[in-house]
Amino acid sequence: MFWKNTNFALILHYISLILLFESLFMLSAAAIAAGYRESVLSGMLGAVAVTFSVGLLFYFLTRKFRNQEPGRRESLLIVSAGWFSLGFFGTLPYLLTGTIPHFANALFESVSGFSTTGSSILTDVEAMPKSILFWRSETHWIGGIGIIVMVIAIMPFLKVSGIQLFGSEASIVVEERIVPKMRYVARNFGILYVGFTVAQTLLMWIAGMPLFDSVCHSFGTVATGGFSTQNDSIAGYSPVIQYIVTFFMLIAGMNFSLHFLLFTGRGRQMWKNEEWRFYLIIIFGVVALLTVTLFRKMDMPLEAAFRDAFFQVVTIITATGFATDDYLLWPIYGQLLIAMLMLIGASAGSTGGGVKVIRHLVALKKIRHSFRRLIYPNAVSHVRYNGRVLEAEQVSGIIGFIIFYYLILVGGILFLMAVGLDAATSFGSVATTMAGIGPGFGTVGPVSNFAHLPDVAKYFLCLTMILGRLEIYPVVILFTPWFWKA
């Protein structure tokens, strides 16, 4: 039977580590509650106690397995179960403080945070206690860095290597090894991640944003999440702050391996990366089109038109989800461009979501290659990426992923329409949650929320968030018979 070939105790051991880390982050939110003398402190401490106790119990029950290396099957189960566990226990601060008493709503908010989606059921964000706002933003930050990567970073102290686990979590499509050791990668990724967070916090604080808001918005920006401490997201802040947020969203949507090149004095190599160039072409091409549209059709001043266009393009393509304007009030042409960006996604190896720029780039190269083969059938030609010939299996795998992604998207839209949602809301809900963006279309636009959706829709969208965050395969493959027979 399948369970004889699967080390469930080892899987549970990794889950225990994830829960212990999660409880520590909850404790920092409880410290915020204590600092602001909030009445929800007891509830926050209760959430810490429950999560820590369960994690500690699992750890002691499975500690004898800590020196074992997970196989491929265990790695995929750890990644999927880990994110589901994060989302489930992440509901406790909302439930035990009474700020989100309904379980479906609490689960939606928690999964949205950890998956860095940014969709919310809250109708009045500013009415929430500071500690809850901090916890919401903190779930973004945890999800962005990937708590799996955090566990790997401290594996030397736990006597576990976890190399295959890191491979399951990473969203690299065409691998570019900057350094060979996974722990070194995880450590440097963490340094960059924390460095960007601190830098953005200081810049926004200097520009006039309150320190608490600066920290929370930095968590949401670097993680490409989108939870805000304000009802109008970033719209109420100064143009300078909006440009700062736009810049950090832009770099958060980059492949983080390119940051290694930049900070190690190899910036020229970064510009040779085809995905990076295509990423910038898409962004500034759409920004130019939207700027002209807003300037001419909406009678906006040129600078304001450019700023809104720049911000909304970057926030959508990087799957961050902050807002400075309601794009549902734009001309239909502008809305179609926003919908297109939702389907493109950020760069591979970034904290952003979506199909990813590199997959679309390779698909376009394959289309061009197919046309050339029709015209020159005897010519020897290959699909190349960054000067390297891609194997046919790599290309077919990328094309297969894109097709599978859109099949799930269509299936999700049909499911939500079957439970009573209109077509625009169904598309917007599934597209934005799978891509990890936040706002959608219809009744879930940038100035709306997901509170009015039926519970069955919220549970389904929790699944699409995790599917998108884990790039579909690690979750879907668990339900196939050959996975368990392998």
Protein backbone atom coordinates (compact mmCIF):
# COMPACT_ATOMS: atom_id res chain seq x y z
CA MET A 1 0.00 0.00 0.00
CA PHE A 2 1.06 3.61 -0.61
CA TRP A 3 1.60 4.46 3.06
CA LYS A 4 4.32 1.81 3.33
CA ASN A 5 6.42 3.81 0.84
CA THR A 6 5.81 7.20 2.45
CA ASN A 7 7.49 8.45 5.63
CA PHE A 8 4.58 10.31 7.21
CA ALA A 9 6.48 10.78 10.47
CA LEU A 10 9.15 12.75 8.62
CA ILE A 11 6.45 14.85 6.94
CA LEU A 12 4.91 15.55 10.34
CA HIS A 13 8.34 16.55 11.66
CA TYR A 14 8.67 19.23 9.00
CA ILE A 15 5.13 20.42 9.73
CA SER A 16 6.11 20.76 13.39
CA LEU A 17 9.01 23.04 12.42
CA ILE A 18 6.70 25.16 10.27
CA LEU A 19 4.21 25.52 13.13
CA LEU A 20 6.94 26.45 15.60
CA PHE A 21 8.14 29.19 13.27
CA GLU A 22 4.57 30.37 12.73
CA SER A 23 4.02 30.64 16.49
CA LEU A 24 7.09 32.88 16.80
CA PHE A 25 5.69 35.26 14.19
CA MET A 26 2.35 35.21 16.02
CA LEU A 27 4.24 36.17 19.18
CA SER A 28 5.55 39.32 17.49
CA ALA A 29 1.95 40.26 16.63
CA ALA A 30 1.03 39.64 20.28
CA ALA A 31 3.85 42.01 21.26
CA ILE A 32 2.22 44.67 19.07
CA ALA A 33 -1.05 44.07 20.92
CA ALA A 34 0.76 44.49 24.24
CA GLY A 35 2.54 47.62 23.07
CA TYR A 36 -0.72 49.27 21.99
CA ARG A 37 -2.58 47.90 25.08
CA GLU A 38 -5.20 46.23 22.90
CA SER A 39 -8.01 44.14 24.31
CA VAL A 40 -7.25 41.35 21.83
CA LEU A 41 -3.96 40.51 23.58
CA SER A 42 -5.37 37.45 25.35
CA GLY A 43 -6.70 36.08 22.08
CA MET A 44 -3.36 36.63 20.36
CA LEU A 45 -1.53 34.85 23.18
CA GLY A 46 -4.04 32.01 22.96
CA ALA A 47 -3.27 31.64 19.25
CA VAL A 48 0.45 31.56 20.04
CA ALA A 49 -0.05 28.96 22.76
CA VAL A 50 -2.15 26.61 20.63
CA THR A 51 0.15 26.80 17.57
CA PHE A 52 3.31 26.43 19.63
CA SER A 53 1.91 23.54 21.65
CA VAL A 54 0.80 21.58 18.59
CA GLY A 55 4.12 22.22 16.87
CA LEU A 56 6.07 21.20 19.98
CA LEU A 57 3.99 18.02 20.40
CA PHE A 58 4.56 17.00 16.80
CA TYR A 59 8.27 17.79 17.13
CA PHE A 60 8.82 15.55 20.13
CA LEU A 61 6.77 12.74 18.62
CA THR A 62 8.86 12.79 15.44
CA ARG A 63 12.28 14.09 16.54
CA LYS A 64 14.00 10.76 15.88
CA PHE A 65 13.32 11.30 12.16
CA ARG A 66 15.06 14.70 12.00
CA ASN A 67 18.25 13.28 10.46
CA GLN A 68 16.45 11.64 7.54
CA GLU A 69 16.41 13.15 4.06
CA PRO A 70 12.92 13.47 2.50
CA GLY A 71 12.40 11.77 -0.84
CA ARG A 72 10.60 13.31 -3.76
CA ARG A 73 7.20 12.09 -2.57
CA GLU A 74 7.76 13.36 0.98
CA SER A 75 9.04 16.71 -0.33
CA LEU A 76 5.89 17.35 -2.34
CA LEU A 77 3.69 16.33 0.57
CA ILE A 78 5.63 18.58 2.97
CA VAL A 79 5.28 21.59 0.68
CA SER A 80 1.55 21.15 0.14
CA ALA A 81 0.74 20.13 3.71
CA GLY A 82 2.96 22.91 5.00
CA TRP A 83 1.03 25.64 3.21
CA PHE A 84 -2.33 24.18 4.21
CA SER A 85 -1.11 24.01 7.83
CA LEU A 86 0.06 27.61 7.72
CA GLY A 87 -3.33 28.73 6.46
CA PHE A 88 -5.30 26.66 8.96
CA PHE A 89 -3.39 27.72 12.08
CA GLY A 90 -3.17 31.25 10.72
CA THR A 91 -6.91 31.56 11.36
CA LEU A 92 -6.38 31.39 15.13
CA PRO A 93 -5.42 35.08 15.67
CA TYR A 94 -8.62 36.10 13.83
CA LEU A 95 -10.91 33.56 15.51
CA LEU A 96 -9.62 33.80 19.09
CA THR A 97 -9.57 37.61 19.10
CA GLY A 98 -13.08 37.74 17.60
CA THR A 99 -11.99 40.13 14.85
CA ILE A 100 -13.05 37.62 12.16
CA PRO A 101 -15.33 35.19 14.01
CA HIS A 102 -16.60 33.25 10.98
CA PHE A 103 -14.28 30.36 10.06
CA ALA A 104 -14.71 30.61 6.27
CA ASN A 105 -13.80 34.31 6.40
CA ALA A 106 -10.86 33.70 8.74
CA LEU A 107 -9.52 30.90 6.54
CA PHE A 108 -9.89 33.05 3.42
CA GLU A 109 -8.00 35.94 5.04
CA SER A 110 -5.28 33.63 6.36
CA VAL A 111 -4.71 31.71 3.12
CA SER A 112 -4.82 34.98 1.17
CA GLY A 113 -2.07 36.31 3.41
CA PHE A 114 0.27 33.33 3.31
CA SER A 115 -0.22 32.81 -0.42
CA THR A 116 0.59 36.53 -0.90
CA THR A 117 -2.70 36.98 -2.75
CA GLY A 118 -4.01 40.02 -0.89
CA SER A 119 -7.72 39.39 -1.48
CA SER A 120 -9.68 40.28 1.64
CA ILE A 121 -13.08 39.83 3.25
CA LEU A 122 -12.63 42.87 5.53
CA THR A 123 -15.06 45.71 4.84
CA ASP A 124 -13.34 48.19 7.17
CA VAL A 125 -9.63 47.56 7.46
CA GLU A 126 -8.99 50.65 9.55
CA ALA A 127 -11.33 49.37 12.29
CA MET A 128 -9.05 46.40 12.96
CA PRO A 129 -6.62 46.40 15.93
CA LYS A 130 -3.01 47.19 15.10
CA SER A 131 -1.91 43.68 16.06
CA ILE A 132 -4.35 42.10 13.59
CA LEU A 133 -3.20 44.46 10.83
CA PHE A 134 0.38 43.54 11.66
CA TRP A 135 -0.44 39.82 11.60
CA ARG A 136 -2.16 40.15 8.21
CA SER A 137 0.89 41.89 6.75
CA GLU A 138 3.23 39.47 8.49
CA THR A 139 1.52 36.49 6.82
CA HIS A 140 2.43 38.10 3.50
CA TRP A 141 6.04 38.44 4.53
CA ILE A 142 6.22 34.82 5.71
CA GLY A 143 4.58 33.58 2.52
CA GLY A 144 6.79 35.70 0.32
CA ILE A 145 10.08 34.43 1.62
CA GLY A 146 8.62 30.95 1.82
CA ILE A 147 8.73 29.47 5.28
CA ILE A 148 10.07 26.34 3.61
CA VAL A 149 13.17 28.30 2.57
CA MET A 150 13.44 29.64 6.11
CA VAL A 151 13.45 26.11 7.48
CA ILE A 152 16.18 25.13 5.02
CA ALA A 153 18.25 28.14 6.06
CA ILE A 154 18.45 26.81 9.61
CA MET A 155 18.79 23.14 8.64
CA PRO A 156 22.49 23.00 9.62
CA PHE A 157 21.36 23.52 13.21
CA LEU A 158 18.66 20.84 12.83
CA LYS A 159 20.99 18.35 11.10
CA VAL A 160 18.72 18.09 8.04
CA SER A 161 19.73 19.19 4.54
CA GLY A 162 16.34 19.47 2.81
CA ILE A 163 17.76 20.08 -0.66
CA GLN A 164 14.87 18.33 -2.46
CA LEU A 165 12.39 20.30 -0.38
CA PHE A 166 13.90 23.57 -1.58
CA GLY A 167 13.59 22.33 -5.15
CA SER A 168 9.88 21.68 -4.61
CA GLU A 169 9.25 25.16 -3.23
CA ALA A 170 11.29 27.15 -5.76
CA SER A 171 9.43 28.49 -8.79
CA ILE A 172 12.34 28.46 -11.22
CA VAL A 173 11.29 27.28 -14.68
CA VAL A 174 14.64 27.32 -16.45
CA GLU A 175 17.21 26.86 -13.73
CA GLU A 176 20.10 29.30 -13.51
CA ARG A 177 22.52 28.22 -10.82
CA ILE A 178 24.23 31.30 -9.45
CA VAL A 179 25.67 29.29 -6.55
CA PRO A 180 25.66 25.54 -6.12
CA LYS A 181 24.67 25.17 -2.49
CA MET A 182 21.01 25.45 -1.55
CA ARG A 183 21.71 26.72 1.95
CA TYR A 184 23.87 29.48 0.55
CA VAL A 185 21.07 30.41 -1.84
CA ALA A 186 18.52 30.44 0.97
CA ARG A 187 20.75 32.56 3.19
CA ASN A 188 21.45 35.16 0.51
CA PHE A 189 17.82 35.20 -0.56
CA GLY A 190 16.91 35.95 3.06
CA ILE A 191 19.49 38.74 3.31
CA LEU A 192 18.16 40.41 0.15
CA TYR A 193 14.57 39.96 1.29
CA VAL A 194 15.18 41.53 4.69
CA GLY A 195 17.35 44.25 3.14
CA PHE A 196 14.65 45.29 0.67
CA THR A 197 12.07 45.30 3.48
CA VAL A 198 14.19 47.55 5.71
CA ALA A 199 15.13 49.88 2.85
CA GLN A 200 11.53 50.38 1.75
CA THR A 201 10.37 50.90 5.34
CA LEU A 202 12.94 53.65 5.92
CA LEU A 203 12.26 55.38 2.59
CA MET A 204 8.49 55.49 3.13
CA TRP A 205 8.92 56.62 6.73
CA ILE A 206 11.21 59.44 5.60
CA ALA A 207 8.65 60.33 2.90
CA GLY A 208 5.94 60.82 5.53
CA MET A 209 4.23 57.47 6.05
CA PRO A 210 3.80 56.51 9.74
CA LEU A 211 6.34 53.91 10.88
CA PHE A 212 3.76 51.21 11.62
CA ASP A 213 2.17 51.65 8.20
CA SER A 214 5.61 51.68 6.59
CA VAL A 215 6.50 48.31 8.10
CA CYS A 216 3.18 46.73 7.14
CA HIS A 217 3.25 48.04 3.59
CA SER A 218 6.87 46.95 3.16
CA PHE A 219 5.86 43.43 4.21
CA GLY A 220 3.14 43.49 1.57
CA THR A 221 5.32 45.03 -1.15
CA VAL A 222 8.44 42.89 -0.97
CA ALA A 223 6.27 39.77 -0.70
CA THR A 224 4.06 41.06 -3.57
CA GLY A 225 1.09 40.57 -1.26
CA GLY A 226 -1.11 43.66 -1.13
CA PHE A 227 -2.68 43.84 2.33
CA SER A 228 -2.87 47.48 3.43
CA THR A 229 -3.60 49.21 6.73
CA GLN A 230 -5.90 51.66 4.95
CA ASN A 231 -9.29 51.22 3.32
CA ASP A 232 -8.12 53.04 0.19
CA SER A 233 -4.84 51.07 0.03
CA ILE A 234 -2.03 53.36 -1.24
CA ALA A 235 -4.32 55.96 -2.83
CA GLY A 236 -4.31 58.27 0.19
CA TYR A 237 -0.53 58.60 0.37
CA SER A 238 1.66 61.13 -1.41
CA PRO A 239 2.90 60.68 -4.99
CA VAL A 240 6.44 60.20 -3.64
CA ILE A 241 5.31 57.24 -1.52
CA GLN A 242 3.40 55.79 -4.47
CA TYR A 243 6.55 55.92 -6.60
CA ILE A 244 8.56 54.26 -3.80
CA VAL A 245 6.02 51.43 -3.57
CA THR A 246 6.00 51.07 -7.36
CA PHE A 247 9.79 50.76 -7.48
CA PHE A 248 9.92 48.06 -4.81
CA MET A 249 7.04 46.15 -6.41
CA LEU A 250 9.00 46.25 -9.65
CA ILE A 251 12.14 44.74 -8.13
CA ALA A 252 10.12 42.23 -6.07
CA GLY A 253 8.68 40.93 -9.34
CA MET A 254 12.20 40.22 -10.66
CA ASN A 255 13.97 36.89 -10.54
CA PHE A 256 15.90 37.13 -7.27
CA SER A 257 18.91 35.44 -8.87
CA LEU A 258 19.34 38.65 -10.88
CA HIS A 259 19.66 40.60 -7.65
CA PHE A 260 22.61 38.35 -6.79
CA LEU A 261 24.25 39.36 -10.05
CA LEU A 262 23.61 43.05 -9.40
CA PHE A 263 24.93 43.02 -5.84
CA THR A 264 27.99 40.96 -6.73
CA GLY A 265 29.16 43.42 -9.37
CA ARG A 266 27.85 41.47 -12.36
CA GLY A 267 25.07 43.85 -13.31
CA ARG A 268 25.90 43.68 -17.02
CA GLN A 269 24.99 40.00 -17.04
CA MET A 270 21.57 40.91 -15.68
CA TRP A 271 20.76 42.86 -18.83
CA LYS A 272 21.54 39.79 -20.93
CA ASN A 273 18.65 37.94 -19.26
CA GLU A 274 15.82 37.64 -21.79
CA GLU A 275 13.06 37.32 -19.22
CA TRP A 276 14.17 40.53 -17.48
CA ARG A 277 14.17 42.44 -20.76
CA PHE A 278 10.77 41.02 -21.77
CA TYR A 279 9.43 41.87 -18.30
CA LEU A 280 10.45 45.52 -18.73
CA ILE A 281 9.14 45.68 -22.31
CA ILE A 282 5.72 44.48 -21.19
CA ILE A 283 5.58 46.88 -18.25
CA PHE A 284 6.67 50.05 -20.00
CA GLY A 285 4.79 49.19 -23.18
CA VAL A 286 1.50 48.84 -21.31
CA VAL A 287 2.30 51.88 -19.13
CA ALA A 288 2.70 53.98 -22.28
CA LEU A 289 -0.61 52.76 -23.70
CA LEU A 290 -2.48 53.33 -20.43
CA THR A 291 -0.91 56.75 -19.85
CA VAL A 292 -2.17 57.95 -23.21
CA THR A 293 -5.59 56.40 -22.54
CA LEU A 294 -5.97 58.02 -19.11
CA PHE A 295 -4.62 61.35 -20.33
CA ARG A 296 -6.94 61.54 -23.34
CA LYS A 297 -10.05 59.64 -22.25
CA MET A 298 -10.13 60.44 -18.51
CA ASP A 299 -8.82 64.04 -18.75
CA MET A 300 -6.14 63.35 -16.14
CA PRO A 301 -2.99 65.49 -15.82
CA LEU A 302 -0.09 63.84 -17.61
CA GLU A 303 1.94 63.12 -14.47
CA ALA A 304 -1.07 61.69 -12.63
CA ALA A 305 -1.97 59.57 -15.66
CA PHE A 306 1.57 58.20 -15.83
CA ARG A 307 1.73 57.57 -12.07
CA ASP A 308 -1.60 55.73 -11.95
CA ALA A 309 -0.76 53.74 -15.08
CA PHE A 310 2.73 52.86 -13.81
CA PHE A 311 1.46 51.87 -10.37
CA GLN A 312 -1.46 49.75 -11.60
CA VAL A 313 0.56 47.98 -14.28
CA VAL A 314 3.32 47.05 -11.83
CA THR A 315 0.96 46.07 -9.02
CA ILE A 316 -1.00 43.74 -11.34
CA ILE A 317 1.84 42.10 -13.29
CA THR A 318 3.83 41.47 -10.09
CA ALA A 319 0.66 40.15 -8.41
CA THR A 320 0.98 42.60 -5.51
CA GLY A 321 -2.52 44.05 -5.57
CA PHE A 322 -2.16 47.48 -3.99
CA ALA A 323 -4.38 50.14 -5.55
CA THR A 324 -4.26 53.87 -6.23
CA ASP A 325 -7.24 53.95 -8.58
CA ASP A 326 -10.31 51.91 -9.54
CA TYR A 327 -9.40 50.46 -12.93
CA LEU A 328 -13.03 49.33 -13.37
CA LEU A 329 -13.83 53.00 -14.05
CA TRP A 330 -11.26 53.14 -16.85
CA PRO A 331 -12.21 52.73 -20.53
CA ILE A 332 -12.78 49.10 -21.53
CA TYR A 333 -9.47 49.16 -23.43
CA GLY A 334 -7.62 49.84 -20.17
CA GLN A 335 -9.54 47.11 -18.35
CA LEU A 336 -8.60 44.58 -21.04
CA LEU A 337 -4.92 45.49 -20.64
CA ILE A 338 -5.22 44.94 -16.88
CA ALA A 339 -6.87 41.53 -17.49
CA MET A 340 -4.01 40.61 -19.84
CA LEU A 341 -1.43 41.50 -17.19
CA MET A 342 -3.28 39.28 -14.68
CA LEU A 343 -2.70 36.31 -16.95
CA ILE A 344 0.98 37.09 -17.62
CA GLY A 345 2.36 37.23 -14.08
CA ALA A 346 5.75 38.16 -12.65
CA SER A 347 9.21 36.72 -13.26
CA ALA A 348 10.15 33.18 -12.27
CA GLY A 349 12.19 33.08 -9.09
CA SER A 350 10.41 36.13 -7.67
CA THR A 351 7.84 36.43 -4.91
CA GLY A 352 5.22 37.27 -7.56
CA GLY A 353 2.57 34.94 -8.91
CA GLY A 354 0.83 34.13 -12.17
CA VAL A 355 1.87 31.99 -15.13
CA LYS A 356 5.22 33.85 -15.17
CA VAL A 357 6.85 35.95 -17.88
CA ILE A 358 9.39 33.30 -18.80
CA ARG A 359 6.73 30.75 -19.69
CA HIS A 360 5.01 33.17 -22.03
CA LEU A 361 8.37 34.11 -23.52
CA VAL A 362 9.26 30.48 -24.23
CA ALA A 363 5.76 29.89 -25.65
CA LEU A 364 6.20 32.81 -28.04
CA LYS A 365 9.62 31.49 -29.04
CA LYS A 366 8.04 28.10 -29.72
CA ILE A 367 5.37 29.70 -31.90
CA ARG A 368 8.05 31.56 -33.86
CA HIS A 369 10.05 28.35 -34.16
CA SER A 370 7.00 26.49 -35.50
CA PHE A 371 6.41 29.14 -38.15
CA ARG A 372 10.04 28.99 -39.23
CA ARG A 373 9.82 25.21 -39.55
CA LEU A 374 6.82 25.63 -41.85
CA ILE A 375 8.74 28.00 -44.09
CA TYR A 376 12.11 26.22 -43.85
CA PRO A 377 11.26 22.57 -43.12
CA ASN A 378 14.83 21.35 -43.69
CA ALA A 379 16.51 24.00 -41.55
CA VAL A 380 18.10 23.01 -38.24
CA SER A 381 16.67 25.31 -35.59
CA HIS A 382 16.03 25.21 -31.86
CA VAL A 383 14.17 27.14 -29.21
CA ARG A 384 16.76 29.07 -27.24
CA TYR A 385 16.64 30.93 -23.97
CA ASN A 386 19.54 33.17 -22.91
CA GLY A 387 21.60 31.63 -25.68
CA ARG A 388 21.03 28.07 -24.47
CA VAL A 389 19.17 25.45 -26.47
CA LEU A 390 16.10 24.23 -24.63
CA GLU A 391 15.32 20.55 -24.75
CA ALA A 392 12.04 19.58 -26.41
CA GLU A 393 10.91 18.15 -23.07
CA GLN A 394 11.48 21.51 -21.34
CA VAL A 395 9.50 23.39 -23.97
CA SER A 396 6.63 20.91 -23.96
CA GLY A 397 6.55 21.02 -20.17
CA ILE A 398 6.19 24.81 -20.22
CA ILE A 399 3.47 24.70 -22.88
CA GLY A 400 1.71 21.97 -20.91
CA PHE A 401 1.79 24.08 -17.75
CA ILE A 402 0.26 27.08 -19.53
CA ILE A 403 -2.53 24.94 -20.98
CA PHE A 404 -3.20 23.27 -17.62
CA TYR A 405 -3.24 26.67 -15.88
CA TYR A 406 -5.85 28.04 -18.25
CA LEU A 407 -7.93 24.84 -18.07
CA ILE A 408 -8.09 25.21 -14.28
CA LEU A 409 -8.92 28.90 -14.73
CA VAL A 410 -11.84 28.09 -17.04
CA GLY A 411 -13.01 25.27 -14.80
CA GLY A 412 -12.91 27.56 -11.78
CA ILE A 413 -14.90 30.25 -13.58
CA LEU A 414 -17.58 27.71 -14.53
CA PHE A 415 -17.73 26.42 -10.95
CA LEU A 416 -18.25 29.89 -9.47
CA MET A 417 -20.90 30.68 -12.06
CA ALA A 418 -22.63 27.43 -11.07
CA VAL A 419 -22.80 28.57 -7.42
CA GLY A 420 -24.41 31.88 -8.38
CA LEU A 421 -21.69 34.40 -9.27
CA ASP A 422 -21.87 36.49 -12.43
CA ALA A 423 -19.35 35.94 -15.24
CA ALA A 424 -17.20 39.02 -14.55
CA THR A 425 -16.93 38.29 -10.82
CA SER A 426 -16.22 34.61 -11.50
CA PHE A 427 -13.40 35.46 -13.91
CA GLY A 428 -12.00 38.13 -11.63
CA SER A 429 -12.12 35.91 -8.54
CA VAL A 430 -10.40 32.89 -10.07
CA ALA A 431 -7.88 34.89 -12.14
CA THR A 432 -6.81 37.07 -9.22
CA THR A 433 -6.56 34.27 -6.64
CA MET A 434 -4.68 31.86 -8.91
CA ALA A 435 -2.23 34.60 -9.86
CA GLY A 436 -1.99 35.85 -6.26
CA ILE A 437 -2.98 39.41 -7.16
CA GLY A 438 -5.83 40.50 -4.84
CA PRO A 439 -8.37 42.65 -6.68
CA GLY A 440 -10.32 41.28 -9.63
CA PHE A 441 -13.29 42.27 -11.75
CA GLY A 442 -17.04 42.50 -11.25
CA THR A 443 -18.00 42.76 -7.59
CA VAL A 444 -14.45 41.98 -6.39
CA GLY A 445 -12.69 44.95 -7.96
CA PRO A 446 -9.97 47.12 -6.38
CA VAL A 447 -12.41 49.10 -4.19
CA SER A 448 -14.48 46.03 -3.23
CA ASN A 449 -13.84 42.85 -1.23
CA PHE A 450 -14.78 39.18 -1.09
CA ALA A 451 -17.00 39.28 2.01
CA HIS A 452 -20.25 38.91 0.06
CA LEU A 453 -19.25 35.66 -1.67
CA PRO A 454 -20.90 32.44 -0.45
CA ASP A 455 -18.80 30.22 1.81
CA VAL A 456 -18.44 27.53 -0.84
CA ALA A 457 -16.86 30.10 -3.15
CA LYS A 458 -14.47 31.24 -0.40
CA TYR A 459 -13.33 27.67 0.30
CA PHE A 460 -12.85 27.06 -3.41
CA LEU A 461 -10.83 30.27 -3.80
CA CYS A 462 -8.63 29.22 -0.86
CA LEU A 463 -7.76 26.18 -2.95
CA THR A 464 -7.02 28.26 -6.05
CA MET A 465 -4.76 30.53 -3.98
CA ILE A 466 -2.66 27.60 -2.81
CA LEU A 467 -2.69 26.04 -6.28
CA GLY A 468 -1.33 29.27 -7.73
CA ARG A 469 1.21 29.80 -4.95
CA LEU A 470 2.65 26.30 -5.39
CA GLU A 471 2.50 26.39 -9.19
CA ILE A 472 -0.32 23.82 -9.42
CA TYR A 473 1.65 20.58 -9.86
CA PRO A 474 2.78 19.95 -6.23
CA VAL A 475 -0.89 19.99 -5.16
CA VAL A 476 -2.62 18.36 -8.13
CA ILE A 477 -0.14 15.49 -8.36
CA LEU A 478 -1.12 14.35 -4.86
CA PHE A 479 -4.51 13.30 -6.23
CA THR A 480 -3.09 11.11 -8.99
CA PRO A 481 -2.77 7.33 -8.48
CA TRP A 482 0.71 7.09 -10.07
CA PHE A 483 2.12 9.51 -7.48
CA TRP A 484 1.36 7.02 -4.71
CA LYS A 485 2.45 3.99 -6.75
CA ALA A 486 5.83 5.46 -7.70
